[in-house]
């Protein structure tokens, strides 16, 4: 399956997802074995020649997943990495900070009533 076929088939659903869309384990030309292939849609690059799409696999020691045009990283958005990234980079997730603050307020109210 070529990149163009993947984009045509999965492009619209990839735009709607909050994380890169996993296409599956595919044997790509030039690869030794099948690998997990992802379709990344980068909203910043939607007007670039690639229309914001990159078909890629996790690369390197850090297992990076990035836009092929602007090199913005998207591996922290993968569902299996989201919790770890939330704990390491809470500044990226204001809703997590609000949740922790609300939990602290509720805990202090419960403790003050005892």
Protein backbone atom coordinates (compact mmCIF):
# COMPACT_ATOMS: atom_id res chain seq x y z
CA UNK A 1 0.00 0.00 0.00
CA UNK A 2 1.51 3.35 -1.05
CA UNK A 3 1.43 6.56 0.99
CA UNK A 4 -1.15 8.08 -1.37
CA UNK A 5 -3.47 5.08 -0.94
CA UNK A 6 -3.13 5.26 2.85
CA UNK A 7 -3.90 9.00 2.85
CA UNK A 8 -6.88 8.52 0.53
CA UNK A 9 -8.27 5.68 2.64
CA UNK A 10 -7.61 6.94 6.18
CA UNK A 11 -7.01 10.69 5.77
CA UNK A 12 -10.42 12.00 6.84
CA UNK A 13 -10.57 9.81 9.95
CA UNK A 14 -6.99 10.80 10.88
CA UNK A 15 -8.00 14.49 10.87
CA UNK A 16 -10.76 13.81 13.40
CA UNK A 17 -8.61 11.79 15.84
CA UNK A 18 -6.78 13.47 18.75
CA UNK A 19 -3.74 11.23 18.17
CA UNK A 20 -1.95 9.73 15.13
CA UNK A 21 -3.94 6.97 13.46
CA UNK A 22 -2.36 3.52 13.63
CA UNK A 23 -2.75 1.86 10.24
CA UNK A 24 -1.37 -1.53 11.32
CA UNK A 25 1.67 -3.70 10.82
CA UNK A 26 2.71 -3.38 7.18
CA UNK A 27 5.65 -4.60 5.16
CA UNK A 28 6.84 -1.46 3.40
CA UNK A 29 9.21 -1.34 0.46
CA UNK A 30 12.78 -1.07 1.71
CA UNK A 31 11.94 -2.33 5.22
CA UNK A 32 13.33 -5.65 6.49
CA UNK A 33 10.19 -6.69 8.40
CA UNK A 34 6.63 -5.47 8.99
CA UNK A 35 6.38 -2.44 11.27
CA UNK A 36 3.61 -0.44 12.93
CA UNK A 37 2.68 2.30 10.47
CA UNK A 38 0.96 5.53 11.54
CA UNK A 39 -0.76 8.31 9.64
CA UNK A 40 0.05 11.69 11.17
CA UNK A 41 -2.03 14.75 10.30
CA UNK A 42 -0.32 18.01 11.22
CA UNK A 43 -2.80 20.92 11.22
CA UNK A 44 0.07 23.43 10.98
CA UNK A 45 1.17 21.94 7.64
CA UNK A 46 -2.27 21.54 6.05
CA UNK A 47 -1.35 24.05 3.31
CA UNK A 48 2.06 22.44 2.63
CA UNK A 49 2.60 20.27 -0.48
CA UNK A 50 1.88 17.11 1.55
CA UNK A 51 -1.44 18.63 2.78
CA UNK A 52 -0.35 17.94 6.37
CA UNK A 53 -0.15 14.15 6.09
CA UNK A 54 2.85 11.95 6.91
CA UNK A 55 2.90 8.15 6.73
CA UNK A 56 5.59 6.94 9.10
CA UNK A 57 6.67 4.46 11.74
CA UNK A 58 8.19 5.01 15.17
CA UNK A 59 11.82 5.91 14.60
CA UNK A 60 15.06 5.96 16.50
CA UNK A 61 15.92 5.13 20.07
CA UNK A 62 13.19 7.43 21.40
CA UNK A 63 10.59 5.99 18.98
CA UNK A 64 9.81 9.40 17.48
CA UNK A 65 6.75 10.03 15.35
CA UNK A 66 6.89 13.38 13.62
CA UNK A 67 5.51 15.44 10.77
CA UNK A 68 7.54 14.97 7.61
CA UNK A 69 7.36 18.68 6.74
CA UNK A 70 7.81 20.75 9.93
CA UNK A 71 9.19 17.89 12.12
CA UNK A 72 6.68 18.58 14.91
CA UNK A 73 6.64 15.52 17.19
CA UNK A 74 3.41 13.59 17.78
CA UNK A 75 4.64 10.47 19.61
CA UNK A 76 3.56 11.93 22.98
CA UNK A 77 -0.06 11.84 21.76
CA UNK A 78 -0.15 8.08 21.24
CA UNK A 79 -2.65 6.53 23.68
CA UNK A 80 -0.05 4.21 25.20
CA UNK A 81 2.24 7.18 25.97
CA UNK A 82 -0.35 9.79 26.97
CA UNK A 83 -0.38 9.07 30.74
CA UNK A 84 3.41 9.12 30.97
CA UNK A 85 3.58 12.37 29.03
CA UNK A 86 0.89 13.91 31.24
CA UNK A 87 2.99 13.20 34.33
CA UNK A 88 6.28 14.35 32.80
CA UNK A 89 4.90 17.46 31.04
CA UNK A 90 1.86 18.69 32.98
CA UNK A 91 2.15 22.15 31.38
CA UNK A 92 0.85 20.64 28.11
CA UNK A 93 -2.37 19.49 29.82
CA UNK A 94 -4.22 22.33 31.58
CA UNK A 95 -7.17 20.00 32.22
CA UNK A 96 -4.91 17.72 34.28
CA UNK A 97 -3.76 20.67 36.38
CA UNK A 98 -7.40 21.72 36.91
CA UNK A 99 -8.35 18.17 37.89
CA UNK A 100 -5.49 17.93 40.41
CA UNK A 101 -6.41 21.33 41.86
CA UNK A 102 -10.07 20.31 42.20
CA UNK A 103 -9.03 17.04 43.87
CA UNK A 104 -6.85 18.96 46.33
CA UNK A 105 -9.74 21.31 47.19
CA UNK A 106 -12.15 18.40 47.71
CA UNK A 107 -9.59 16.57 49.83
CA UNK A 108 -9.00 19.64 51.99
CA UNK A 109 -12.77 20.10 52.47
CA UNK A 110 -13.14 16.47 53.57
CA UNK A 111 -10.20 16.72 55.96
CA UNK A 112 -11.46 20.00 57.48
CA UNK A 113 -14.87 18.44 58.30
CA UNK A 114 -13.34 15.55 60.25
